[in-house]
């Protein structure tokens, strides 16, 4: 058997220990399962990706691109600046 050591954020380690304990194992078992799965599949056994905006954010972004549900539109920067400077 080989020993493997690596550094991890304290909170992440605690959260991981809690998770795997609730699943009936310890960190060593969890990491061994991960390693076995990765070797078997010849890949990281889960998708690694950048955060994707949630549904509401995507809808707001699409609405903006399509010019929908905007509170106001402006024909020029000067018009926008005038509106921003106006007292409500």
PDB file of N, CA and C in Angstrom:
ATOM      1  N   UNK A   1       0.851  -1.188   0.000  1.00  0.00           N
ATOM      2  CA  UNK A   1       0.000   0.000   0.000  1.00  0.00           C
ATOM      3  C   UNK A   1       0.889   1.241   0.000  1.00  0.00           C
ATOM      4  N   UNK A   2       0.421   2.268  -0.714  1.00  0.00           N
ATOM      5  CA  UNK A   2       1.144   3.536  -0.791  1.00  0.00           C
ATOM      6  C   UNK A   2       0.381   4.606  -0.031  1.00  0.00           C
ATOM      7  N   UNK A   3       1.125   5.502   0.574  1.00  0.00           N
ATOM      8  CA  UNK A   3       0.519   6.656   1.226  1.00  0.00           C
ATOM      9  C   UNK A   3       0.501   7.812   0.243  1.00  0.00           C
ATOM     10  N   UNK A   4      -0.614   8.533   0.209  1.00  0.00           N
ATOM     11  CA  UNK A   4      -0.746   9.707  -0.641  1.00  0.00           C
ATOM     12  C   UNK A   4      -1.140  10.870   0.254  1.00  0.00           C
ATOM     13  N   UNK A   5      -0.446  11.987   0.120  1.00  0.00           N
ATOM     14  CA  UNK A   5      -0.760  13.167   0.933  1.00  0.00           C
ATOM     15  C   UNK A   5      -0.992  14.353   0.013  1.00  0.00           C
ATOM     16  N   UNK A   6      -2.001  15.147   0.322  1.00  0.00           N
ATOM     17  CA  UNK A   6      -2.243  16.367  -0.432  1.00  0.00           C
ATOM     18  C   UNK A   6      -2.900  17.375   0.486  1.00  0.00           C
ATOM     19  N   UNK A   7      -2.864  18.645   0.086  1.00  0.00           N
ATOM     20  CA  UNK A   7      -3.421  19.726   0.892  1.00  0.00           C
ATOM     21  C   UNK A   7      -4.829  20.038   0.414  1.00  0.00           C
ATOM     22  N   UNK A   8      -5.687  20.397   1.381  1.00  0.00           N
ATOM     23  CA  UNK A   8      -7.072  20.707   1.070  1.00  0.00           C
ATOM     24  C   UNK A   8      -7.551  21.771   2.052  1.00  0.00           C
ATOM     25  N   UNK A   9      -8.421  22.633   1.602  1.00  0.00           N
ATOM     26  CA  UNK A   9      -9.039  23.642   2.460  1.00  0.00           C
ATOM     27  C   UNK A   9      -9.699  22.958   3.664  1.00  0.00           C
ATOM     28  N   UNK A  10      -9.526  23.517   4.854  1.00  0.00           N
ATOM     29  CA  UNK A  10     -10.069  22.912   6.081  1.00  0.00           C
ATOM     30  C   UNK A  10     -11.577  22.697   6.014  1.00  0.00           C
ATOM     31  N   UNK A  11     -12.315  23.697   5.550  1.00  0.00           N
ATOM     32  CA  UNK A  11     -13.772  23.571   5.497  1.00  0.00           C
ATOM     33  C   UNK A  11     -14.193  22.504   4.492  1.00  0.00           C
ATOM     34  N   UNK A  12     -13.514  22.474   3.339  1.00  0.00           N
ATOM     35  CA  UNK A  12     -13.818  21.456   2.340  1.00  0.00           C
ATOM     36  C   UNK A  12     -13.582  20.064   2.913  1.00  0.00           C
ATOM     37  N   UNK A  13     -12.483  19.894   3.648  1.00  0.00           N
ATOM     38  CA  UNK A  13     -12.187  18.594   4.252  1.00  0.00           C
ATOM     39  C   UNK A  13     -13.275  18.199   5.245  1.00  0.00           C
ATOM     40  N   UNK A  14     -13.673  19.129   6.094  1.00  0.00           N
ATOM     41  CA  UNK A  14     -14.719  18.848   7.082  1.00  0.00           C
ATOM     42  C   UNK A  14     -16.035  18.499   6.397  1.00  0.00           C
ATOM     43  N   UNK A  15     -16.399  19.285   5.380  1.00  0.00           N
ATOM     44  CA  UNK A  15     -17.643  19.012   4.641  1.00  0.00           C
ATOM     45  C   UNK A  15     -17.585  17.650   3.952  1.00  0.00           C
ATOM     46  N   UNK A  16     -16.431  17.319   3.380  1.00  0.00           N
ATOM     47  CA  UNK A  16     -16.269  16.032   2.712  1.00  0.00           C
ATOM     48  C   UNK A  16     -16.345  14.885   3.720  1.00  0.00           C
ATOM     49  N   UNK A  17     -15.699  15.051   4.865  1.00  0.00           N
ATOM     50  CA  UNK A  17     -15.756  14.016   5.905  1.00  0.00           C
ATOM     51  C   UNK A  17     -17.192  13.772   6.347  1.00  0.00           C
ATOM     52  N   UNK A  18     -17.956  14.837   6.524  1.00  0.00           N
ATOM     53  CA  UNK A  18     -19.360  14.708   6.921  1.00  0.00           C
ATOM     54  C   UNK A  18     -20.145  13.962   5.855  1.00  0.00           C
ATOM     55  N   UNK A  19     -19.948  14.343   4.598  1.00  0.00           N
ATOM     56  CA  UNK A  19     -20.652  13.695   3.506  1.00  0.00           C
ATOM     57  C   UNK A  19     -20.357  12.199   3.453  1.00  0.00           C
ATOM     58  N   UNK A  20     -19.071  11.849   3.417  1.00  0.00           N
ATOM     59  CA  UNK A  20     -18.738  10.425   3.264  1.00  0.00           C
ATOM     60  C   UNK A  20     -19.107   9.625   4.509  1.00  0.00           C
ATOM     61  N   UNK A  21     -19.052  10.243   5.672  1.00  0.00           N
ATOM     62  CA  UNK A  21     -19.488   9.550   6.895  1.00  0.00           C
ATOM     63  C   UNK A  21     -20.974   9.213   6.782  1.00  0.00           C
ATOM     64  N   UNK A  22     -21.773  10.170   6.280  1.00  0.00           N
ATOM     65  CA  UNK A  22     -23.211   9.933   6.093  1.00  0.00           C
ATOM     66  C   UNK A  22     -23.476   8.845   5.056  1.00  0.00           C
ATOM     67  N   UNK A  23     -22.512   8.621   4.178  1.00  0.00           N
ATOM     68  CA  UNK A  23     -22.617   7.561   3.180  1.00  0.00           C
ATOM     69  C   UNK A  23     -22.023   6.242   3.683  1.00  0.00           C
ATOM     70  N   UNK A  24     -21.516   6.250   4.921  1.00  0.00           N
ATOM     71  CA  UNK A  24     -21.010   5.032   5.531  1.00  0.00           C
ATOM     72  C   UNK A  24     -19.563   4.706   5.217  1.00  0.00           C
ATOM     73  N   UNK A  25     -18.762   5.714   4.954  1.00  0.00           N
ATOM     74  CA  UNK A  25     -17.348   5.458   4.662  1.00  0.00           C
ATOM     75  C   UNK A  25     -16.487   6.577   5.216  1.00  0.00           C
ATOM     76  N   UNK A  26     -15.178   6.425   5.058  1.00  0.00           N
ATOM     77  CA  UNK A  26     -14.246   7.475   5.471  1.00  0.00           C
ATOM     78  C   UNK A  26     -13.609   8.088   4.216  1.00  0.00           C
ATOM     79  N   UNK A  27     -12.760   9.106   4.428  1.00  0.00           N
ATOM     80  CA  UNK A  27     -12.134   9.786   3.297  1.00  0.00           C
ATOM     81  C   UNK A  27     -11.282   8.839   2.457  1.00  0.00           C
ATOM     82  N   UNK A  28     -10.530   7.951   3.112  1.00  0.00           N
ATOM     83  CA  UNK A  28      -9.679   7.020   2.370  1.00  0.00           C
ATOM     84  C   UNK A  28     -10.508   6.164   1.426  1.00  0.00           C
ATOM     85  N   UNK A  29     -11.609   5.630   1.923  1.00  0.00           N
ATOM     86  CA  UNK A  29     -12.483   4.803   1.090  1.00  0.00           C
ATOM     87  C   UNK A  29     -13.051   5.619  -0.061  1.00  0.00           C
ATOM     88  N   UNK A  30     -13.513   6.831   0.221  1.00  0.00           N
ATOM     89  CA  UNK A  30     -14.094   7.684  -0.820  1.00  0.00           C
ATOM     90  C   UNK A  30     -13.076   7.990  -1.916  1.00  0.00           C
ATOM     91  N   UNK A  31     -11.853   8.348  -1.525  1.00  0.00           N
ATOM     92  CA  UNK A  31     -10.848   8.665  -2.529  1.00  0.00           C
ATOM     93  C   UNK A  31     -10.405   7.419  -3.301  1.00  0.00           C
ATOM     94  N   UNK A  32     -10.383   6.270  -2.639  1.00  0.00           N
ATOM     95  CA  UNK A  32     -10.072   5.027  -3.355  1.00  0.00           C
ATOM     96  C   UNK A  32     -11.154   4.692  -4.372  1.00  0.00           C
ATOM     97  N   UNK A  33     -12.419   4.899  -4.011  1.00  0.00           N
ATOM     98  CA  UNK A  33     -13.521   4.677  -4.957  1.00  0.00           C
ATOM     99  C   UNK A  33     -13.368   5.609  -6.159  1.00  0.00           C
ATOM    100  N   UNK A  34     -13.060   6.879  -5.882  1.00  0.00           N
ATOM    101  CA  UNK A  34     -12.850   7.843  -6.960  1.00  0.00           C
ATOM    102  C   UNK A  34     -11.723   7.383  -7.883  1.00  0.00           C
ATOM    103  N   UNK A  35     -10.584   6.977  -7.307  1.00  0.00           N
ATOM    104  CA  UNK A  35      -9.432   6.557  -8.101  1.00  0.00           C
ATOM    105  C   UNK A  35      -9.760   5.316  -8.936  1.00  0.00           C
ATOM    106  N   UNK A  36     -10.435   4.349  -8.336  1.00  0.00           N
ATOM    107  CA  UNK A  36     -10.792   3.132  -9.067  1.00  0.00           C
ATOM    108  C   UNK A  36     -11.722   3.447 -10.240  1.00  0.00           C
ATOM    109  N   UNK A  37     -12.686   4.293 -10.001  1.00  0.00           N
ATOM    110  CA  UNK A  37     -13.634   4.672 -11.055  1.00  0.00           C
ATOM    111  C   UNK A  37     -12.910   5.421 -12.178  1.00  0.00           C
ATOM    112  N   UNK A  38     -12.018   6.343 -11.822  1.00  0.00           N
ATOM    113  CA  UNK A  38     -11.277   7.116 -12.825  1.00  0.00           C
ATOM    114  C   UNK A  38     -10.419   6.195 -13.683  1.00  0.00           C
ATOM    115  N   UNK A  39      -9.733   5.257 -13.053  1.00  0.00           N
ATOM    116  CA  UNK A  39      -8.886   4.329 -13.809  1.00  0.00           C
ATOM    117  C   UNK A  39      -9.744   3.428 -14.697  1.00  0.00           C
ATOM    118  N   UNK A  40     -10.840   2.926 -14.163  1.00  0.00           N
ATOM    119  CA  UNK A  40     -11.714   2.048 -14.934  1.00  0.00           C
ATOM    120  C   UNK A  40     -12.255   2.757 -16.178  1.00  0.00           C
ATOM    121  N   UNK A  41     -12.696   4.020 -16.011  1.00  0.00           N
ATOM    122  CA  UNK A  41     -13.303   4.760 -17.117  1.00  0.00           C
ATOM    123  C   UNK A  41     -12.289   5.530 -17.959  1.00  0.00           C
ATOM    124  N   UNK A  42     -11.048   5.628 -17.452  1.00  0.00           N
ATOM    125  CA  UNK A  42      -9.996   6.397 -18.121  1.00  0.00           C
ATOM    126  C   UNK A  42     -10.394   7.854 -18.317  1.00  0.00           C
ATOM    127  N   UNK A  43     -11.029   8.384 -17.277  1.00  0.00           N
ATOM    128  CA  UNK A  43     -11.431   9.799 -17.287  1.00  0.00           C
ATOM    129  C   UNK A  43     -11.836  10.178 -15.873  1.00  0.00           C
ATOM    130  N   UNK A  44     -11.983  11.465 -15.623  1.00  0.00           N
ATOM    131  CA  UNK A  44     -12.563  11.920 -14.363  1.00  0.00           C
ATOM    132  C   UNK A  44     -14.023  11.460 -14.390  1.00  0.00           C
ATOM    133  N   UNK A  45     -14.494  10.769 -13.359  1.00  0.00           N
ATOM    134  CA  UNK A  45     -15.824  10.141 -13.429  1.00  0.00           C
ATOM    135  C   UNK A  45     -17.010  11.078 -13.194  1.00  0.00           C
ATOM    136  N   UNK A  46     -16.836  12.319 -13.500  1.00  0.00           N
ATOM    137  CA  UNK A  46     -17.936  13.275 -13.447  1.00  0.00           C
ATOM    138  C   UNK A  46     -17.578  14.437 -14.347  1.00  0.00           C
ATOM    139  N   UNK A  47     -18.584  15.214 -14.732  1.00  0.00           N
ATOM    140  CA  UNK A  47     -18.361  16.339 -15.623  1.00  0.00           C
ATOM    141  C   UNK A  47     -17.705  17.493 -14.880  1.00  0.00           C
ATOM    142  N   UNK A  48     -16.676  18.048 -15.472  1.00  0.00           N
ATOM    143  CA  UNK A  48     -16.024  19.238 -14.925  1.00  0.00           C
ATOM    144  C   UNK A  48     -16.319  20.369 -15.892  1.00  0.00           C
ATOM    145  N   UNK A  49     -16.948  21.426 -15.389  1.00  0.00           N
ATOM    146  CA  UNK A  49     -17.318  22.524 -16.264  1.00  0.00           C
ATOM    147  C   UNK A  49     -17.364  23.815 -15.474  1.00  0.00           C
ATOM    148  N   UNK A  50     -17.415  24.884 -16.193  1.00  0.00           N
ATOM    149  CA  UNK A  50     -17.530  26.200 -15.574  1.00  0.00           C
ATOM    150  C   UNK A  50     -18.966  26.364 -15.093  1.00  0.00           C
ATOM    151  N   UNK A  51     -19.155  27.226 -14.105  1.00  0.00           N
ATOM    152  CA  UNK A  51     -20.509  27.493 -13.633  1.00  0.00           C
ATOM    153  C   UNK A  51     -21.353  28.041 -14.782  1.00  0.00           C
ATOM    154  N   UNK A  52     -22.557  27.555 -14.884  1.00  0.00           N
ATOM    155  CA  UNK A  52     -23.488  27.994 -15.916  1.00  0.00           C
ATOM    156  C   UNK A  52     -24.559  28.833 -15.226  1.00  0.00           C
ATOM    157  N   UNK A  53     -24.926  29.964 -15.816  1.00  0.00           N
ATOM    158  CA  UNK A  53     -25.976  30.765 -15.190  1.00  0.00           C
ATOM    159  C   UNK A  53     -27.263  29.954 -15.023  1.00  0.00           C
ATOM    160  N   UNK A  54     -27.971  30.221 -13.927  1.00  0.00           N
ATOM    161  CA  UNK A  54     -29.230  29.503 -13.692  1.00  0.00           C
ATOM    162  C   UNK A  54     -30.302  29.985 -14.670  1.00  0.00           C
ATOM    163  N   UNK A  55     -31.466  29.340 -14.623  1.00  0.00           N
ATOM    164  CA  UNK A  55     -32.554  29.610 -15.576  1.00  0.00           C
ATOM    165  C   UNK A  55     -32.972  31.082 -15.565  1.00  0.00           C
ATOM    166  N   UNK A  56     -33.139  31.668 -14.373  1.00  0.00           N
ATOM    167  CA  UNK A  56     -33.579  33.067 -14.281  1.00  0.00           C
ATOM    168  C   UNK A  56     -32.554  34.019 -14.891  1.00  0.00           C
ATOM    169  N   UNK A  57     -31.277  33.759 -14.620  1.00  0.00           N
ATOM    170  CA  UNK A  57     -30.224  34.610 -15.171  1.00  0.00           C
ATOM    171  C   UNK A  57     -30.170  34.483 -16.686  1.00  0.00           C
ATOM    172  N   UNK A  58     -30.280  33.250 -17.188  1.00  0.00           N
ATOM    173  CA  UNK A  58     -30.271  33.044 -18.641  1.00  0.00           C
ATOM    174  C   UNK A  58     -31.452  33.763 -19.292  1.00  0.00           C
ATOM    175  N   UNK A  59     -32.626  33.703 -18.663  1.00  0.00           N
ATOM    176  CA  UNK A  59     -33.804  34.384 -19.206  1.00  0.00           C
ATOM    177  C   UNK A  59     -33.578  35.892 -19.247  1.00  0.00           C
ATOM    178  N   UNK A  60     -33.015  36.441 -18.178  1.00  0.00           N
ATOM    179  CA  UNK A  60     -32.747  37.880 -18.140  1.00  0.00           C
ATOM    180  C   UNK A  60     -31.725  38.272 -19.208  1.00  0.00           C
ATOM    181  N   UNK A  61     -30.697  37.452 -19.389  1.00  0.00           N
ATOM    182  CA  UNK A  61     -29.689  37.736 -20.412  1.00  0.00           C
ATOM    183  C   UNK A  61     -30.310  37.688 -21.806  1.00  0.00           C
ATOM    184  N   UNK A  62     -31.118  36.670 -22.068  1.00  0.00           N
ATOM    185  CA  UNK A  62     -31.779  36.562 -23.369  1.00  0.00           C
ATOM    186  C   UNK A  62     -32.744  37.715 -23.604  1.00  0.00           C
ATOM    187  N   UNK A  63     -33.506  38.088 -22.567  1.00  0.00           N
ATOM    188  CA  UNK A  63     -34.412  39.228 -22.696  1.00  0.00           C
ATOM    189  C   UNK A  63     -33.647  40.496 -23.058  1.00  0.00           C
ATOM    190  N   UNK A  64     -32.506  40.693 -22.428  1.00  0.00           N
ATOM    191  CA  UNK A  64     -31.698  41.870 -22.715  1.00  0.00           C
ATOM    192  C   UNK A  64     -31.213  41.853 -24.159  1.00  0.00           C
ATOM    193  N   UNK A  65     -30.716  40.696 -24.599  1.00  0.00           N
ATOM    194  CA  UNK A  65     -30.238  40.585 -25.983  1.00  0.00           C
ATOM    195  C   UNK A  65     -31.354  40.810 -26.988  1.00  0.00           C
ATOM    196  N   UNK A  66     -32.565  40.393 -26.636  1.00  0.00           N
ATOM    197  CA  UNK A  66     -33.713  40.530 -27.536  1.00  0.00           C
ATOM    198  C   UNK A  66     -34.471  41.838 -27.322  1.00  0.00           C
ATOM    199  N   UNK A  67     -34.048  42.638 -26.346  1.00  0.00           N
ATOM    200  CA  UNK A  67     -34.709  43.905 -26.073  1.00  0.00           C
ATOM    201  C   UNK A  67     -36.074  43.764 -25.427  1.00  0.00           C
ATOM    202  N   UNK A  68     -36.308  42.640 -24.738  1.00  0.00           N
ATOM    203  CA  UNK A  68     -37.599  42.390 -24.096  1.00  0.00           C
ATOM    204  C   UNK A  68     -37.529  42.739 -22.607  1.00  0.00           C
ATOM    205  N   UNK A  69     -38.671  43.161 -22.084  1.00  0.00           N
ATOM    206  CA  UNK A  69     -38.833  43.409 -20.644  1.00  0.00           C
ATOM    207  C   UNK A  69     -37.820  44.384 -20.069  1.00  0.00           C
ATOM    208  N   UNK A  70     -37.418  45.345 -20.890  1.00  0.00           N
ATOM    209  CA  UNK A  70     -36.507  46.374 -20.407  1.00  0.00           C
ATOM    210  C   UNK A  70     -37.335  47.525 -19.859  1.00  0.00           C
ATOM    211  N   UNK A  71     -36.861  48.143 -18.817  1.00  0.00           N
ATOM    212  CA  UNK A  71     -37.636  49.221 -18.216  1.00  0.00           C
ATOM    213  C   UNK A  71     -37.648  50.459 -19.103  1.00  0.00           C
ATOM    214  N   UNK A  72     -36.533  50.753 -19.749  1.00  0.00           N
ATOM    215  CA  UNK A  72     -36.446  51.919 -20.624  1.00  0.00           C
ATOM    216  C   UNK A  72     -35.416  51.636 -21.701  1.00  0.00           C
ATOM    217  N   UNK A  73     -35.579  52.291 -22.810  1.00  0.00           N
ATOM    218  CA  UNK A  73     -34.557  52.248 -23.856  1.00  0.00           C
ATOM    219  C   UNK A  73     -34.135  53.672 -24.159  1.00  0.00           C
ATOM    220  N   UNK A  74     -32.944  53.828 -24.674  1.00  0.00           N
ATOM    221  CA  UNK A  74     -32.401  55.142 -24.972  1.00  0.00           C
ATOM    222  C   UNK A  74     -31.828  55.122 -26.382  1.00  0.00           C
ATOM    223  N   UNK A  75     -31.961  56.253 -27.059  1.00  0.00           N
ATOM    224  CA  UNK A  75     -31.462  56.356 -28.426  1.00  0.00           C
ATOM    225  C   UNK A  75     -30.026  56.850 -28.481  1.00  0.00           C
ATOM    226  N   UNK A  76     -29.530  57.351 -27.331  1.00  0.00           N
ATOM    227  CA  UNK A  76     -28.151  57.838 -27.315  1.00  0.00           C
ATOM    228  C   UNK A  76     -27.613  57.783 -25.892  1.00  0.00           C
ATOM    229  N   UNK A  77     -26.307  57.884 -25.798  1.00  0.00           N
ATOM    230  CA  UNK A  77     -25.666  57.917 -24.482  1.00  0.00           C
ATOM    231  C   UNK A  77     -26.072  59.195 -23.759  1.00  0.00           C
ATOM    232  N   UNK A  78     -26.180  60.290 -24.493  1.00  0.00           N
ATOM    233  CA  UNK A  78     -26.567  61.563 -23.887  1.00  0.00           C
ATOM    234  C   UNK A  78     -27.954  61.449 -23.246  1.00  0.00           C
ATOM    235  N   UNK A  79     -28.870  60.782 -23.947  1.00  0.00           N
ATOM    236  CA  UNK A  79     -30.223  60.588 -23.408  1.00  0.00           C
ATOM    237  C   UNK A  79     -30.175  59.734 -22.136  1.00  0.00           C
ATOM    238  N   UNK A  80     -29.354  58.689 -22.134  1.00  0.00           N
ATOM    239  CA  UNK A  80     -29.187  57.853 -20.945  1.00  0.00           C
ATOM    240  C   UNK A  80     -28.626  58.665 -19.795  1.00  0.00           C
ATOM    241  N   UNK A  81     -27.581  59.448 -20.059  1.00  0.00           N
ATOM    242  CA  UNK A  81     -26.950  60.249 -19.003  1.00  0.00           C
ATOM    243  C   UNK A  81     -27.924  61.287 -18.445  1.00  0.00           C
ATOM    244  N   UNK A  82     -28.724  61.865 -19.302  1.00  0.00           N
ATOM    245  CA  UNK A  82     -29.735  62.826 -18.847  1.00  0.00           C
ATOM    246  C   UNK A  82     -30.723  62.129 -17.904  1.00  0.00           C
ATOM    247  N   UNK A  83     -31.165  60.943 -18.268  1.00  0.00           N
ATOM    248  CA  UNK A  83     -32.095  60.200 -17.437  1.00  0.00           C
ATOM    249  C   UNK A  83     -31.465  59.823 -16.097  1.00  0.00           C
ATOM    250  N   UNK A  84     -30.201  59.418 -16.123  1.00  0.00           N
ATOM    251  CA  UNK A  84     -29.507  59.052 -14.889  1.00  0.00           C
ATOM    252  C   UNK A  84     -29.366  60.247 -13.958  1.00  0.00           C
ATOM    253  N   UNK A  85     -29.192  61.422 -14.519  1.00  0.00           N
ATOM    254  CA  UNK A  85     -28.997  62.642 -13.724  1.00  0.00           C
ATOM    255  C   UNK A  85     -30.320  63.221 -13.232  1.00  0.00           C
ATOM    256  N   UNK A  86     -31.416  62.820 -13.809  1.00  0.00           N
ATOM    257  CA  UNK A  86     -32.729  63.381 -13.457  1.00  0.00           C
ATOM    258  C   UNK A  86     -33.093  62.978 -12.020  1.00  0.00           C
ATOM    259  N   UNK A  87     -33.761  63.913 -11.367  1.00  0.00           N
ATOM    260  CA  UNK A  87     -34.262  63.641 -10.012  1.00  0.00           C
ATOM    261  C   UNK A  87     -35.579  62.923 -10.129  1.00  0.00           C
ATOM    262  N   UNK A  88     -35.778  61.906  -9.318  1.00  0.00           N
ATOM    263  CA  UNK A  88     -37.042  61.144  -9.371  1.00  0.00           C
ATOM    264  C   UNK A  88     -38.164  61.880  -8.717  1.00  0.00           C
TER     265      UNK A  88
END
